[in-house]
N, C-alpha and C. Protein backbone atom coordinates (compact mmCIF):
# COMPACT_ATOMS: atom_id res chain seq x y z
N UNK A 1 30.67 31.10 1.30
CA UNK A 1 30.30 32.31 2.22
C UNK A 1 30.93 32.02 3.51
N UNK A 2 31.57 33.03 3.97
CA UNK A 2 32.29 32.98 5.28
C UNK A 2 31.30 33.23 6.41
N UNK A 3 31.78 33.02 7.64
CA UNK A 3 30.87 33.25 8.76
C UNK A 3 30.51 34.71 8.93
N UNK A 4 31.30 35.66 8.56
CA UNK A 4 31.02 37.09 8.67
C UNK A 4 29.80 37.38 7.77
N UNK A 5 29.88 36.88 6.53
CA UNK A 5 28.85 37.17 5.62
C UNK A 5 27.50 36.54 6.05
N UNK A 6 27.64 35.31 6.65
CA UNK A 6 26.37 34.71 7.19
C UNK A 6 25.85 35.49 8.29
N UNK A 7 26.67 36.01 9.18
CA UNK A 7 26.20 36.90 10.33
C UNK A 7 25.47 38.04 9.79
N UNK A 8 26.06 38.64 8.70
CA UNK A 8 25.33 39.94 8.11
C UNK A 8 23.98 39.53 7.56
N UNK A 9 23.87 38.35 6.88
CA UNK A 9 22.50 37.91 6.42
C UNK A 9 21.59 37.70 7.59
N UNK A 10 22.09 37.18 8.75
CA UNK A 10 21.26 36.93 9.87
C UNK A 10 20.79 38.35 10.48
N UNK A 11 21.61 39.30 10.49
CA UNK A 11 21.26 40.60 11.05
C UNK A 11 20.24 41.34 10.14
N UNK A 12 20.35 41.05 8.78
CA UNK A 12 19.38 41.68 7.87
C UNK A 12 18.03 40.97 7.97
N UNK A 13 18.05 39.62 8.19
CA UNK A 13 16.77 38.87 8.17
C UNK A 13 16.73 37.79 9.27
N UNK A 14 16.67 38.18 10.51
CA UNK A 14 16.76 37.25 11.65
C UNK A 14 15.48 36.32 11.80
N UNK A 15 14.33 36.77 11.24
CA UNK A 15 13.22 35.82 11.25
C UNK A 15 13.32 34.77 10.29
N UNK A 16 13.93 35.03 9.14
CA UNK A 16 13.98 33.91 8.08
C UNK A 16 15.29 33.21 8.12
N UNK A 17 16.37 33.81 8.62
CA UNK A 17 17.72 33.00 8.75
C UNK A 17 17.73 32.17 9.94
N UNK A 18 17.31 32.67 11.13
CA UNK A 18 17.12 31.88 12.35
C UNK A 18 18.31 31.51 13.09
N UNK A 19 19.53 31.77 12.61
CA UNK A 19 20.71 31.34 13.32
C UNK A 19 21.85 32.28 12.95
N UNK A 20 22.76 32.48 13.88
CA UNK A 20 23.83 33.42 13.66
C UNK A 20 25.01 32.77 12.99
N UNK A 21 25.07 31.38 12.92
CA UNK A 21 26.15 30.65 12.31
C UNK A 21 25.51 29.56 11.49
N UNK A 22 26.21 29.13 10.42
CA UNK A 22 25.70 27.98 9.61
C UNK A 22 25.74 26.75 10.53
N UNK A 23 24.83 25.73 10.20
CA UNK A 23 24.89 24.43 10.88
C UNK A 23 26.23 23.81 10.78
N UNK A 24 26.54 23.00 11.77
CA UNK A 24 27.85 22.18 11.77
C UNK A 24 27.70 20.99 10.90
N UNK A 25 28.85 20.41 10.58
CA UNK A 25 28.82 19.22 9.73
C UNK A 25 28.27 18.04 10.63
N UNK A 26 28.32 18.17 11.83
CA UNK A 26 27.80 17.04 12.79
C UNK A 26 26.25 17.19 12.76
N UNK A 27 25.73 18.25 12.68
CA UNK A 27 24.22 18.46 12.62
C UNK A 27 23.79 18.05 11.22
N UNK A 28 24.58 18.37 10.25
CA UNK A 28 24.22 17.95 8.88
C UNK A 28 24.15 16.45 8.70
N UNK A 29 25.12 15.80 9.29
CA UNK A 29 25.19 14.33 9.22
C UNK A 29 23.88 13.73 9.97
N UNK A 30 23.54 14.31 11.11
CA UNK A 30 22.45 13.84 11.89
C UNK A 30 21.11 14.05 11.16
N UNK A 31 21.09 15.12 10.31
CA UNK A 31 19.87 15.47 9.63
C UNK A 31 19.58 14.44 8.48
N UNK A 32 20.68 13.89 7.90
CA UNK A 32 20.45 13.05 6.72
C UNK A 32 20.73 11.60 7.00
N UNK A 33 21.11 11.22 8.18
CA UNK A 33 21.56 9.87 8.40
C UNK A 33 20.46 8.71 8.22
N UNK A 34 19.21 9.18 8.41
CA UNK A 34 18.12 8.17 8.23
C UNK A 34 17.55 8.13 6.87
N UNK A 35 18.04 8.81 5.87
CA UNK A 35 17.54 8.83 4.60
C UNK A 35 17.90 7.56 3.82
N UNK A 36 16.99 6.90 3.18
CA UNK A 36 17.32 5.79 2.32
C UNK A 36 17.58 6.33 0.89
N UNK A 37 18.82 6.73 0.58
CA UNK A 37 19.14 7.41 -0.69
C UNK A 37 18.86 6.52 -1.79
N UNK A 38 18.93 5.18 -1.66
CA UNK A 38 18.87 4.17 -2.76
C UNK A 38 17.37 4.01 -3.28
N UNK A 39 16.47 4.47 -2.46
CA UNK A 39 15.02 4.16 -2.79
C UNK A 39 14.24 5.46 -2.66
N UNK A 40 14.77 6.59 -3.08
CA UNK A 40 14.09 7.91 -2.99
C UNK A 40 13.92 8.55 -4.44
N UNK A 41 12.64 8.75 -4.72
CA UNK A 41 12.34 9.41 -5.98
C UNK A 41 12.58 10.91 -5.85
N UNK A 42 12.25 11.43 -4.75
CA UNK A 42 12.23 12.98 -4.60
C UNK A 42 12.68 13.30 -3.15
N UNK A 43 13.58 14.15 -3.01
CA UNK A 43 13.97 14.75 -1.68
C UNK A 43 13.81 16.26 -1.87
N UNK A 44 13.14 16.92 -0.87
CA UNK A 44 13.03 18.37 -0.88
C UNK A 44 13.79 18.99 0.37
N UNK A 45 14.49 20.09 0.17
CA UNK A 45 15.13 20.74 1.29
C UNK A 45 14.46 22.13 1.38
N UNK A 46 13.91 22.45 2.55
CA UNK A 46 13.42 23.80 2.87
C UNK A 46 14.53 24.62 3.50
N UNK A 47 14.73 25.77 3.14
CA UNK A 47 15.75 26.72 3.75
C UNK A 47 17.14 26.15 3.59
N UNK A 48 17.56 25.93 2.38
CA UNK A 48 18.88 25.35 2.11
C UNK A 48 19.97 26.22 2.61
N UNK A 49 19.84 27.59 2.75
CA UNK A 49 20.85 28.36 3.28
C UNK A 49 22.12 28.31 2.44
N UNK A 50 23.20 28.07 3.13
CA UNK A 50 24.58 28.03 2.44
C UNK A 50 24.89 26.54 1.91
N UNK A 51 24.01 25.59 2.08
CA UNK A 51 24.13 24.35 1.58
C UNK A 51 24.81 23.25 2.40
N UNK A 52 24.81 23.56 3.69
CA UNK A 52 25.49 22.59 4.61
C UNK A 52 24.82 21.22 4.56
N UNK A 53 23.55 21.19 4.57
CA UNK A 53 22.74 19.87 4.46
C UNK A 53 22.80 19.41 3.00
N UNK A 54 22.67 20.36 2.13
CA UNK A 54 22.62 20.12 0.65
C UNK A 54 23.85 19.31 0.20
N UNK A 55 24.97 19.63 0.69
CA UNK A 55 26.22 18.90 0.28
C UNK A 55 26.03 17.35 0.52
N UNK A 56 25.48 16.96 1.60
CA UNK A 56 25.34 15.58 1.93
C UNK A 56 24.24 14.97 1.04
N UNK A 57 23.21 15.77 0.81
CA UNK A 57 22.02 15.25 -0.12
C UNK A 57 22.48 14.97 -1.43
N UNK A 58 23.33 15.90 -2.06
CA UNK A 58 23.71 15.85 -3.44
C UNK A 58 24.77 14.71 -3.51
N UNK A 59 25.67 14.65 -2.51
CA UNK A 59 26.70 13.56 -2.58
C UNK A 59 26.09 12.21 -2.53
N UNK A 60 25.08 11.98 -1.71
CA UNK A 60 24.55 10.64 -1.49
C UNK A 60 23.30 10.26 -2.29
N UNK A 61 22.64 11.24 -2.94
CA UNK A 61 21.41 10.82 -3.72
C UNK A 61 21.75 10.00 -4.95
N UNK A 62 20.80 9.24 -5.40
CA UNK A 62 20.96 8.51 -6.65
C UNK A 62 20.83 9.51 -7.78
N UNK A 63 21.47 9.19 -8.94
CA UNK A 63 21.48 10.08 -10.08
C UNK A 63 20.10 10.45 -10.50
N UNK A 64 19.13 9.55 -10.41
CA UNK A 64 17.74 9.82 -10.89
C UNK A 64 16.88 10.49 -9.87
N UNK A 65 17.25 10.58 -8.59
CA UNK A 65 16.43 11.28 -7.55
C UNK A 65 16.50 12.74 -7.80
N UNK A 66 15.23 13.24 -7.75
CA UNK A 66 15.08 14.73 -7.88
C UNK A 66 15.27 15.27 -6.51
N UNK A 67 16.03 16.45 -6.55
CA UNK A 67 16.31 17.17 -5.29
C UNK A 67 15.85 18.63 -5.54
N UNK A 68 14.87 19.05 -4.77
CA UNK A 68 14.34 20.47 -4.89
C UNK A 68 14.88 21.16 -3.64
N UNK A 69 15.58 22.31 -3.90
CA UNK A 69 16.09 23.17 -2.86
C UNK A 69 15.30 24.40 -2.87
N UNK A 70 14.63 24.71 -1.74
CA UNK A 70 13.95 25.98 -1.56
C UNK A 70 14.78 26.88 -0.65
N UNK A 71 15.04 28.12 -1.25
CA UNK A 71 15.79 29.09 -0.40
C UNK A 71 15.12 30.46 -0.73
N UNK A 72 14.61 31.20 0.22
CA UNK A 72 13.97 32.42 0.10
C UNK A 72 15.02 33.61 -0.10
N UNK A 73 16.09 33.54 0.64
CA UNK A 73 17.07 34.56 0.60
C UNK A 73 17.92 34.54 -0.72
N UNK A 74 17.90 35.68 -1.38
CA UNK A 74 18.50 35.75 -2.77
C UNK A 74 19.97 35.48 -2.77
N UNK A 75 20.63 36.01 -1.78
CA UNK A 75 22.11 35.86 -1.73
C UNK A 75 22.49 34.37 -1.47
N UNK A 76 21.74 33.71 -0.55
CA UNK A 76 21.98 32.19 -0.36
C UNK A 76 21.63 31.47 -1.63
N UNK A 77 20.57 31.89 -2.22
CA UNK A 77 20.13 31.15 -3.46
C UNK A 77 21.26 31.21 -4.55
N UNK A 78 21.79 32.39 -4.72
CA UNK A 78 22.90 32.60 -5.70
C UNK A 78 24.02 31.66 -5.30
N UNK A 79 24.38 31.62 -4.06
CA UNK A 79 25.48 30.70 -3.59
C UNK A 79 25.12 29.24 -3.93
N UNK A 80 23.93 28.81 -3.71
CA UNK A 80 23.48 27.51 -3.98
C UNK A 80 23.66 27.17 -5.48
N UNK A 81 23.29 28.21 -6.29
CA UNK A 81 23.37 28.00 -7.78
C UNK A 81 24.82 27.79 -8.13
N UNK A 82 25.68 28.61 -7.57
CA UNK A 82 27.10 28.49 -7.85
C UNK A 82 27.60 27.13 -7.48
N UNK A 83 27.22 26.55 -6.31
CA UNK A 83 27.71 25.31 -5.86
C UNK A 83 27.00 24.10 -6.42
N UNK A 84 25.82 24.14 -6.67
CA UNK A 84 25.00 22.94 -7.08
C UNK A 84 24.25 23.05 -8.46
N UNK A 85 24.35 24.24 -9.12
CA UNK A 85 23.56 24.49 -10.30
C UNK A 85 23.86 23.57 -11.45
N UNK A 86 24.98 22.90 -11.45
CA UNK A 86 25.23 21.95 -12.65
C UNK A 86 25.00 20.57 -12.22
N UNK A 87 24.45 20.24 -11.12
CA UNK A 87 24.21 18.89 -10.73
C UNK A 87 22.91 18.41 -11.34
N UNK A 88 22.95 17.10 -11.69
CA UNK A 88 21.81 16.53 -12.36
C UNK A 88 20.62 16.32 -11.50
N UNK A 89 19.44 16.71 -11.90
CA UNK A 89 18.20 16.62 -11.09
C UNK A 89 18.24 17.41 -9.82
N UNK A 90 18.97 18.48 -9.72
CA UNK A 90 18.95 19.41 -8.61
C UNK A 90 18.32 20.71 -9.15
N UNK A 91 17.23 21.06 -8.47
CA UNK A 91 16.43 22.31 -8.86
C UNK A 91 16.52 23.25 -7.74
N UNK A 92 17.01 24.41 -7.96
CA UNK A 92 17.23 25.39 -6.94
C UNK A 92 16.14 26.52 -7.18
N UNK A 93 15.32 26.64 -6.13
CA UNK A 93 14.14 27.55 -6.22
C UNK A 93 14.22 28.75 -5.30
N UNK A 94 14.27 29.92 -5.78
CA UNK A 94 14.28 31.11 -4.96
C UNK A 94 12.84 31.64 -4.71
N UNK A 95 12.25 30.88 -3.66
CA UNK A 95 10.84 31.11 -3.38
C UNK A 95 10.55 30.50 -1.98
N UNK A 96 9.44 30.86 -1.43
CA UNK A 96 8.99 30.24 -0.12
C UNK A 96 8.54 28.87 -0.36
N UNK A 97 8.82 28.01 0.49
CA UNK A 97 8.26 26.58 0.40
C UNK A 97 6.85 26.49 0.66
N UNK A 98 6.17 27.64 0.97
CA UNK A 98 4.77 27.74 1.02
C UNK A 98 4.08 27.42 -0.37
N UNK A 99 4.90 27.54 -1.44
CA UNK A 99 4.52 27.37 -2.71
C UNK A 99 4.92 26.04 -3.33
N UNK A 100 5.20 25.08 -2.53
CA UNK A 100 5.70 23.78 -2.83
C UNK A 100 4.88 23.03 -3.94
N UNK A 101 3.59 23.19 -3.78
CA UNK A 101 2.67 22.49 -4.69
C UNK A 101 2.85 22.94 -6.19
N UNK A 102 3.11 24.28 -6.34
CA UNK A 102 3.38 24.79 -7.68
C UNK A 102 4.62 24.15 -8.32
N UNK A 103 5.62 23.96 -7.59
CA UNK A 103 6.91 23.41 -8.17
C UNK A 103 6.77 21.94 -8.32
N UNK A 104 6.09 21.21 -7.52
CA UNK A 104 5.80 19.81 -7.74
C UNK A 104 5.09 19.55 -9.05
N UNK A 105 4.17 20.45 -9.42
CA UNK A 105 3.45 20.31 -10.73
C UNK A 105 4.49 20.64 -11.88
N UNK A 106 5.30 21.77 -11.60
CA UNK A 106 6.17 22.23 -12.64
C UNK A 106 7.23 21.17 -12.99
N UNK A 107 7.69 20.39 -11.97
CA UNK A 107 8.78 19.40 -12.20
C UNK A 107 8.18 17.92 -12.29
N UNK A 108 6.74 17.89 -12.45
CA UNK A 108 6.08 16.60 -12.51
C UNK A 108 6.51 15.57 -11.49
N UNK A 109 6.36 15.99 -10.27
CA UNK A 109 6.70 15.16 -9.11
C UNK A 109 5.51 14.78 -8.42
N UNK A 110 5.31 13.52 -8.28
CA UNK A 110 4.03 12.94 -7.56
C UNK A 110 4.40 12.24 -6.24
N UNK A 111 5.60 11.91 -6.05
CA UNK A 111 6.07 11.12 -4.89
C UNK A 111 7.17 11.85 -4.20
N UNK A 112 6.93 12.37 -2.98
CA UNK A 112 8.01 13.01 -2.14
C UNK A 112 8.31 12.11 -1.01
N UNK A 113 9.54 11.64 -0.98
CA UNK A 113 10.01 10.72 0.09
C UNK A 113 10.41 11.39 1.35
N UNK A 114 11.22 12.43 1.27
CA UNK A 114 11.69 13.17 2.36
C UNK A 114 11.74 14.65 2.14
N UNK A 115 11.40 15.27 3.20
CA UNK A 115 11.60 16.78 3.31
C UNK A 115 12.46 17.10 4.46
N UNK A 116 13.67 17.77 4.12
CA UNK A 116 14.61 18.21 5.11
C UNK A 116 14.37 19.67 5.31
N UNK A 117 14.36 20.13 6.61
CA UNK A 117 14.11 21.54 6.81
C UNK A 117 15.02 22.16 7.76
N UNK A 118 15.49 23.36 7.32
CA UNK A 118 16.38 24.15 8.10
C UNK A 118 15.49 25.41 8.47
N UNK A 119 14.26 25.38 8.35
CA UNK A 119 13.39 26.54 8.72
C UNK A 119 13.34 26.85 10.19
N UNK A 120 13.46 28.07 10.61
CA UNK A 120 13.36 28.47 11.98
C UNK A 120 11.91 28.64 12.39
N UNK A 121 11.25 27.58 12.69
CA UNK A 121 9.80 27.55 13.13
C UNK A 121 9.60 28.45 14.31
N UNK A 122 10.63 28.59 15.17
CA UNK A 122 10.54 29.37 16.43
C UNK A 122 10.32 30.92 16.07
N UNK A 123 10.90 31.34 14.96
CA UNK A 123 10.86 32.70 14.68
C UNK A 123 9.91 33.04 13.42
N UNK A 124 9.47 32.02 12.68
CA UNK A 124 8.52 32.24 11.57
C UNK A 124 7.18 32.64 12.18
N UNK A 125 6.43 33.52 11.44
CA UNK A 125 5.07 33.76 11.86
C UNK A 125 4.26 32.49 11.91
N UNK A 126 3.40 32.44 12.94
CA UNK A 126 2.51 31.24 13.08
C UNK A 126 1.81 30.79 11.85
N UNK A 127 1.17 31.70 11.19
CA UNK A 127 0.34 31.37 9.98
C UNK A 127 1.18 30.81 8.92
N UNK A 128 2.37 31.28 8.73
CA UNK A 128 3.31 30.74 7.65
C UNK A 128 3.68 29.37 8.00
N UNK A 129 4.12 29.16 9.33
CA UNK A 129 4.50 27.81 9.84
C UNK A 129 3.31 26.84 9.62
N UNK A 130 2.05 27.24 9.95
CA UNK A 130 0.95 26.30 9.82
C UNK A 130 0.75 25.92 8.25
N UNK A 131 0.85 26.93 7.41
CA UNK A 131 0.67 26.69 5.96
C UNK A 131 1.74 25.74 5.42
N UNK A 132 3.02 25.95 5.85
CA UNK A 132 4.12 25.09 5.42
C UNK A 132 3.94 23.67 5.91
N UNK A 133 3.59 23.51 7.22
CA UNK A 133 3.39 22.19 7.72
C UNK A 133 2.23 21.43 7.12
N UNK A 134 1.16 22.13 6.86
CA UNK A 134 -0.05 21.56 6.25
C UNK A 134 0.29 21.04 4.89
N UNK A 135 0.99 21.92 4.07
CA UNK A 135 1.36 21.45 2.76
C UNK A 135 2.42 20.35 2.78
N UNK A 136 3.31 20.41 3.73
CA UNK A 136 4.35 19.36 3.89
C UNK A 136 3.63 17.98 4.08
N UNK A 137 2.70 17.94 5.02
CA UNK A 137 2.06 16.68 5.30
C UNK A 137 1.31 16.17 4.12
N UNK A 138 0.68 17.20 3.39
CA UNK A 138 -0.10 16.80 2.17
C UNK A 138 0.77 16.18 1.14
N UNK A 139 1.87 16.74 0.86
CA UNK A 139 2.78 16.34 -0.32
C UNK A 139 3.70 15.07 -0.06
N UNK A 140 4.00 14.86 1.24
CA UNK A 140 4.82 13.71 1.54
C UNK A 140 4.00 12.42 1.40
N UNK A 141 4.63 11.41 0.81
CA UNK A 141 4.00 10.14 0.68
C UNK A 141 3.71 9.55 2.09
N UNK A 142 2.80 8.63 2.12
CA UNK A 142 2.53 7.93 3.47
C UNK A 142 3.87 7.25 3.93
N UNK A 143 4.18 7.40 5.15
CA UNK A 143 5.44 6.87 5.64
C UNK A 143 6.65 7.69 5.19
N UNK A 144 6.41 8.79 4.46
CA UNK A 144 7.62 9.70 4.14
C UNK A 144 7.97 10.37 5.46
N UNK A 145 9.20 11.07 5.43
CA UNK A 145 9.83 11.67 6.61
C UNK A 145 9.92 13.09 6.45
N UNK A 146 9.57 13.84 7.40
CA UNK A 146 9.84 15.32 7.49
C UNK A 146 10.90 15.41 8.59
N UNK A 147 12.12 15.92 8.24
CA UNK A 147 13.23 15.98 9.14
C UNK A 147 13.63 17.44 9.29
N UNK A 148 13.47 17.90 10.51
CA UNK A 148 13.79 19.30 10.80
C UNK A 148 14.68 19.36 12.09
N UNK A 149 15.19 20.61 12.32
CA UNK A 149 15.92 20.75 13.61
C UNK A 149 15.44 22.09 14.18
N UNK A 150 15.56 22.08 15.58
CA UNK A 150 15.20 23.26 16.26
C UNK A 150 16.21 23.40 17.38
N UNK A 151 16.43 24.58 17.97
CA UNK A 151 17.30 24.79 19.05
C UNK A 151 16.69 24.52 20.35
N UNK A 152 15.43 24.48 20.44
CA UNK A 152 14.69 24.22 21.73
C UNK A 152 13.56 23.20 21.45
N UNK A 153 12.87 22.82 22.40
CA UNK A 153 11.71 21.94 22.20
C UNK A 153 10.46 22.68 22.25
N UNK A 154 10.41 23.97 22.17
CA UNK A 154 9.32 24.81 22.26
C UNK A 154 8.28 24.60 21.19
N UNK A 155 8.69 24.16 20.01
CA UNK A 155 7.76 23.89 18.89
C UNK A 155 7.47 22.40 18.69
N UNK A 156 7.89 21.57 19.60
CA UNK A 156 7.57 20.15 19.55
C UNK A 156 6.06 19.84 19.50
N UNK A 157 5.35 20.35 20.37
CA UNK A 157 3.93 20.15 20.41
C UNK A 157 3.19 20.72 19.17
N UNK A 158 3.66 21.83 18.66
CA UNK A 158 3.19 22.42 17.41
C UNK A 158 3.41 21.46 16.25
N UNK A 159 4.62 21.08 16.18
CA UNK A 159 4.96 20.07 15.03
C UNK A 159 4.15 18.70 15.19
N UNK A 160 3.97 18.29 16.38
CA UNK A 160 3.19 17.09 16.73
C UNK A 160 1.73 17.14 16.24
N UNK A 161 1.19 18.41 16.13
CA UNK A 161 -0.08 18.46 15.54
C UNK A 161 -0.23 18.00 14.12
N UNK A 162 0.88 17.98 13.42
CA UNK A 162 0.97 17.59 12.03
C UNK A 162 1.54 16.23 11.81
N UNK A 163 2.48 15.81 12.71
CA UNK A 163 3.01 14.49 12.65
C UNK A 163 3.06 13.85 14.01
N UNK A 164 2.23 12.78 14.12
CA UNK A 164 2.07 12.17 15.43
C UNK A 164 3.23 11.43 15.88
N UNK A 165 4.11 10.82 14.99
CA UNK A 165 5.26 10.14 15.40
C UNK A 165 6.53 10.97 15.17
N UNK A 166 7.23 11.30 16.15
CA UNK A 166 8.55 12.02 16.09
C UNK A 166 9.67 11.35 16.78
N UNK A 167 10.67 11.05 16.10
CA UNK A 167 11.90 10.49 16.76
C UNK A 167 12.80 11.67 17.02
N UNK A 168 13.22 11.85 18.21
CA UNK A 168 13.97 13.05 18.57
C UNK A 168 15.44 12.69 18.96
N UNK A 169 16.26 13.40 18.42
CA UNK A 169 17.78 13.22 18.63
C UNK A 169 18.31 14.56 19.07
N UNK A 170 19.54 14.55 19.63
CA UNK A 170 20.18 15.74 20.05
C UNK A 170 21.61 15.80 19.45
N UNK A 171 22.01 17.01 18.99
CA UNK A 171 23.39 17.24 18.48
C UNK A 171 23.99 18.27 19.29
N UNK A 172 25.03 17.97 20.08
CA UNK A 172 25.66 18.94 20.87
C UNK A 172 26.74 19.65 20.17
N UNK A 173 27.28 19.09 19.08
CA UNK A 173 28.40 19.71 18.34
C UNK A 173 27.82 20.61 17.26
N UNK A 174 27.19 21.57 17.72
CA UNK A 174 26.59 22.64 16.90
C UNK A 174 26.46 23.83 17.75
N UNK A 175 26.52 25.05 17.07
CA UNK A 175 26.38 26.36 17.83
C UNK A 175 25.03 26.94 17.42
N UNK A 176 24.05 27.07 18.32
CA UNK A 176 23.99 26.30 19.62
C UNK A 176 23.61 24.84 19.30
N UNK A 177 23.69 23.96 20.37
CA UNK A 177 23.16 22.61 20.21
C UNK A 177 21.83 22.55 19.71
N UNK A 178 21.40 21.40 18.96
CA UNK A 178 20.15 21.37 18.36
C UNK A 178 19.50 20.06 18.56
N UNK A 179 18.19 20.04 18.44
CA UNK A 179 17.31 18.82 18.43
C UNK A 179 16.95 18.52 16.96
N UNK A 180 17.12 17.31 16.62
CA UNK A 180 16.68 16.88 15.25
C UNK A 180 15.31 16.08 15.53
N UNK A 181 14.25 16.58 14.72
CA UNK A 181 12.97 15.90 14.78
C UNK A 181 12.76 15.09 13.42
N UNK A 182 12.69 13.78 13.52
CA UNK A 182 12.45 12.93 12.35
C UNK A 182 11.02 12.48 12.52
N UNK A 183 10.20 13.16 11.63
CA UNK A 183 8.72 13.06 11.79
C UNK A 183 8.20 12.09 10.69
N UNK A 184 7.41 11.08 11.01
CA UNK A 184 6.89 10.09 10.02
C UNK A 184 5.48 10.60 9.69
N UNK A 185 5.23 10.62 8.30
CA UNK A 185 3.89 11.09 7.84
C UNK A 185 3.05 9.79 7.77
N UNK A 186 2.02 9.74 8.62
CA UNK A 186 1.07 8.70 8.67
C UNK A 186 -0.35 9.27 8.30
N UNK A 187 -0.80 8.98 7.05
CA UNK A 187 -2.03 9.50 6.58
C UNK A 187 -3.19 8.62 6.90
């Protein structure tokens, strides 16, 4: 998908797309750099979009690691299926990650090590954000990581209500520059 197509998707769905351009390879690297790929049973990605983060996840994951990709946008989901549909243990889900528990049962997953999120919490409705973060905290294993990015720090206190420990990094080589929140799940 080229940048013009991405911009069209943003204009059609600004609250769920959240950005006018896909994330940069620099942001993608920063989002996955702390993942221990050798010891992960399951990694989940919320809002996989055009697959910028997904590429690194698929490339680095162990063959037996299950990777669930949630993408609500049908056009992006089709693109993900074209790119990653034949990869072993990669499950592409055209649904809201609000329904994560349904898919964990479907794919017989009991242990989620990492959840990577490209969701635009700044533009999502508050109730949806609350539901997603509540379920995220519930399904992540103790000491599992929820890694998300935001363009501002406006939602930091909101996210901190669910995850007490947040390691914050900044990536300037992205349009716009972004903050990466690496949140540790302490139950």
